[in-house]
Every structure is written in structure tokens, then in C-alpha cells.
Amino acid sequence: MRAKRKQKLFVILGLVSLAAIAVGLTLYALRSNINLFFSPVQIAAGDAPLARQIRAGGMVKKGSVDRDKQSLEVTFTVTDYVDDLEVRYSGILPDLFREGQGVVVVGELQQDGWLRADQVLARHDENYMPPEVAQALEESGYSPQDYQAKAGELGQWRDAQSNNANLN
């Protein structure tokens, strides 16, 4: 092999090696930043990874919100009306957070089956459904329309409760 051809071969092999290393490092960095979405049904089935950041969504179960009076600690249950997921959060909740309202929580699933939330996101109305939630419901055999009908019922219940509180 001629010296010039040998030099070109080493340059090409070096560039290919550097490109492979760059792609590998990029994929490794992205792996740790991806938040996969899981419904309570999928979490109960054991599909969600432990000690890795995930997103979980559903409705805040009626009567499940428990606030610590001495701190910002809040415990509540997220449900998809099939399975429930206990969520523990420390911080200020969004203004739209309430029972019967849809939420998406970002956090780590613990060994005991509860989720330690780092972030709580509240939906703006009962008719909106994130595409991930709709897909998860369909995969578990439930239609998003049933889910939204149940959300509407809870919204009516919540309105009736607030009307009764205002009368008292």
C-alpha cells in the first residue's frame, strides 16, 4: 500500500471512530433525560422502571388529598379508574390542582409502589387528554371517552361540593 493511501485510510478510520464516539455519548446523555409516560395500570403491572424518572398521569382520586399542616408535603392518589398510584410531593401545587382534576406527575417510582414526585402538572379542563394517556387507556382495554365521562362526573360532583360549601 502506498504511503499516501495508507494516510487517507488512517484519517478515514479516525473520523469514523470519532463519529461513533460522539453518537455513543449523545445517546448516553439522552437516555438519562428521557421521561417515559406510564399509566397507573402499567405501573401496577410492573412495566415502569424503579429509581428512574418517569411521568405518570390520571385523575386525582376523590378524597385522597392529604396535606401536612406543618410543611408543604402532600400525598394524593392518581387513578385511571382501574388502578391507583400513591404520589408524595413536597412543594407548591399548581392552582388547577384539585380532586377530580387530571394531573401528570414527574418523579421516581419507589420500591414500595409509590411515586416520589418532583413536579406536578395540572390539566386545564376535563375534556383535554394527553395523547399518552389516551393510548395507555386504549392499550388496557378502556376508551378515552369513558375516562372523560368519568372526569365530567367528578367535575359535576366537585361543583356541587363547592356550591354546598358556599351555602354553609
Protein backbone atom coordinates (compact mmCIF):
# COMPACT_ATOMS: atom_id res chain seq x y z
CA MET A 1 0.00 0.00 0.00
CA ARG A 2 1.31 3.42 -0.87
CA ALA A 3 2.07 5.88 1.93
CA LYS A 4 -0.48 8.43 0.71
CA ARG A 5 -3.25 5.79 0.53
CA LYS A 6 -2.30 4.50 3.98
CA GLN A 7 -2.51 8.03 5.38
CA LYS A 8 -6.01 8.54 3.89
CA LEU A 9 -7.15 5.21 5.37
CA PHE A 10 -5.98 6.25 8.86
CA VAL A 11 -7.73 9.63 8.52
CA ILE A 12 -11.00 7.97 7.46
CA LEU A 13 -10.79 5.37 10.26
CA GLY A 14 -10.08 8.17 12.76
CA LEU A 15 -13.10 10.20 11.60
CA VAL A 16 -15.38 7.14 11.72
CA SER A 17 -14.13 6.36 15.25
CA LEU A 18 -14.73 9.93 16.42
CA ALA A 19 -18.23 9.94 14.89
CA ALA A 20 -19.05 6.64 16.64
CA ILE A 21 -17.85 8.01 19.98
CA ALA A 22 -19.87 11.21 19.51
CA VAL A 23 -23.04 9.27 18.67
CA GLY A 24 -22.50 6.96 21.64
CA LEU A 25 -22.04 9.84 24.07
CA THR A 26 -25.10 11.65 22.68
CA LEU A 27 -27.28 8.57 23.08
CA TYR A 28 -25.99 8.03 26.61
CA ALA A 29 -26.80 11.64 27.56
CA LEU A 30 -30.29 11.45 26.04
CA ARG A 31 -31.03 8.17 27.81
CA SER A 32 -30.89 9.84 31.20
CA ASN A 33 -33.11 12.76 30.12
CA ILE A 34 -36.00 10.80 28.63
CA ASN A 35 -39.16 10.73 30.75
CA LEU A 36 -41.33 7.82 29.69
CA PHE A 37 -45.07 8.02 30.37
CA PHE A 38 -46.83 5.28 32.34
CA SER A 39 -50.44 4.98 33.46
CA PRO A 40 -51.35 3.54 36.89
CA VAL A 41 -52.37 0.30 35.12
CA GLN A 42 -48.92 -0.06 33.59
CA ILE A 43 -47.22 0.78 36.88
CA ALA A 44 -49.32 -1.80 38.74
CA ALA A 45 -48.40 -4.38 36.08
CA GLY A 46 -44.71 -3.71 36.76
CA ASP A 47 -43.91 -2.09 33.40
CA ALA A 48 -42.38 1.07 34.92
CA PRO A 49 -38.71 1.14 35.96
CA LEU A 50 -37.75 1.77 39.57
CA ALA A 51 -35.46 4.63 40.65
CA ARG A 52 -35.63 6.30 37.23
CA GLN A 53 -37.52 9.46 36.36
CA ILE A 54 -40.88 8.76 34.71
CA ARG A 55 -44.14 10.56 34.02
CA ALA A 56 -47.43 9.19 35.30
CA GLY A 57 -50.87 10.60 34.66
CA GLY A 58 -54.50 10.25 35.55
CA MET A 59 -57.14 11.85 37.73
CA VAL A 60 -56.66 12.88 41.35
CA LYS A 61 -58.84 10.42 43.26
CA LYS A 62 -61.73 11.91 45.20
CA GLY A 63 -60.96 12.14 48.93
CA SER A 64 -57.29 11.17 48.55
CA VAL A 65 -55.52 14.52 49.02
CA ASP A 66 -53.75 14.69 52.40
CA ARG A 67 -51.82 17.87 53.20
CA ASP A 68 -49.37 18.12 56.06
CA LYS A 69 -50.29 21.19 58.10
CA GLN A 70 -46.68 21.81 59.20
CA SER A 71 -44.98 21.64 55.79
CA LEU A 72 -45.60 21.59 52.05
CA GLU A 73 -45.82 17.77 52.00
CA VAL A 74 -48.83 16.48 50.06
CA THR A 75 -49.91 12.89 49.50
CA PHE A 76 -52.58 12.04 46.94
CA THR A 77 -53.69 9.21 44.70
CA VAL A 78 -53.67 9.28 40.91
CA THR A 79 -56.14 6.90 39.31
CA ASP A 80 -57.13 5.80 35.86
CA TYR A 81 -60.27 4.18 37.34
CA VAL A 82 -58.63 0.77 37.03
CA ASP A 83 -55.60 1.05 39.29
CA ASP A 84 -54.35 3.67 41.74
CA LEU A 85 -50.91 5.17 42.31
CA GLU A 86 -49.94 6.91 45.55
CA VAL A 87 -47.95 10.11 44.94
CA ARG A 88 -45.94 12.04 47.52
CA TYR A 89 -44.91 15.59 46.69
CA SER A 90 -43.18 18.35 48.57
CA GLY A 91 -43.73 21.82 47.18
CA ILE A 92 -46.34 24.26 45.97
CA LEU A 93 -49.05 22.64 43.88
CA PRO A 94 -50.41 24.26 40.70
CA ASP A 95 -53.52 26.44 41.04
CA LEU A 96 -55.58 24.00 38.96
CA PHE A 97 -54.72 21.03 41.20
CA ARG A 98 -57.78 19.55 42.94
CA GLU A 99 -59.67 16.31 43.41
CA GLY A 100 -61.24 15.03 40.23
CA GLN A 101 -58.80 17.01 38.08
CA GLY A 102 -56.34 15.43 35.65
CA VAL A 103 -52.65 15.60 36.50
CA VAL A 104 -49.33 14.45 35.16
CA VAL A 105 -46.61 13.89 37.75
CA VAL A 106 -42.89 13.60 37.08
CA GLY A 107 -40.83 11.64 39.57
CA GLU A 108 -39.27 8.34 40.59
CA LEU A 109 -41.17 5.15 41.35
CA GLN A 110 -40.11 3.69 44.69
CA GLN A 111 -39.75 0.03 45.74
CA ASP A 112 -42.94 0.20 47.84
CA GLY A 113 -45.02 1.14 44.77
CA TRP A 114 -45.47 4.87 45.40
CA LEU A 115 -44.11 7.73 43.32
CA ARG A 116 -41.92 10.49 44.77
CA ALA A 117 -42.89 13.43 42.59
CA ASP A 118 -40.51 16.22 41.65
CA GLN A 119 -43.10 18.07 39.57
CA VAL A 120 -46.91 18.11 39.40
CA LEU A 121 -48.63 19.42 36.26
CA ALA A 122 -52.40 20.06 36.26
CA ARG A 123 -54.56 19.92 33.15
CA HIS A 124 -56.67 22.92 32.23
CA ASP A 125 -60.04 21.15 31.76
CA GLU A 126 -61.70 17.74 31.89
CA ASN A 127 -62.00 17.40 28.10
CA TYR A 128 -58.29 17.53 27.32
CA MET A 129 -56.41 14.25 27.44
CA PRO A 130 -52.69 13.90 26.73
CA PRO A 131 -52.07 11.51 23.81
CA GLU A 132 -50.03 9.24 26.10
CA VAL A 133 -52.98 8.82 28.48
CA ALA A 134 -55.38 8.05 25.62
CA GLN A 135 -53.01 5.46 24.17
CA ALA A 136 -52.39 3.84 27.57
CA LEU A 137 -56.14 3.57 28.19
CA GLU A 138 -56.75 2.01 24.79
CA GLU A 139 -53.95 -0.50 25.36
CA SER A 140 -55.51 -1.52 28.67
CA GLY A 141 -58.93 -2.02 27.05
CA TYR A 142 -60.65 1.22 28.06
CA SER A 143 -61.80 4.02 25.83
CA PRO A 144 -60.77 7.64 26.39
CA GLN A 145 -64.45 8.61 26.12
CA ASP A 146 -65.25 6.52 29.23
CA TYR A 147 -62.38 8.23 31.04
CA GLN A 148 -63.60 11.67 30.00
CA ALA A 149 -67.20 10.82 31.00
CA LYS A 150 -65.95 9.83 34.46
CA ALA A 151 -63.94 13.07 34.63
CA GLY A 152 -67.12 15.00 33.75
CA GLU A 153 -69.00 13.25 36.57
CA LEU A 154 -66.25 14.18 39.01
CA GLY A 155 -66.32 17.77 37.77
CA GLN A 156 -70.06 17.93 38.45
CA TRP A 157 -69.50 16.39 41.90
CA ARG A 158 -66.77 18.96 42.63
CA ASP A 159 -69.03 21.83 41.54
CA ALA A 160 -71.86 20.51 43.73
CA GLN A 161 -69.46 20.26 46.70
CA SER A 162 -68.26 23.84 46.26
CA ASN A 163 -71.87 25.06 45.93
CA ASN A 164 -72.78 23.27 49.18
CA ALA A 165 -69.75 24.80 50.91
CA ASN A 166 -70.77 28.26 49.73
CA LEU A 167 -74.30 27.78 51.09
CA ASN A 168 -72.95 26.83 54.51
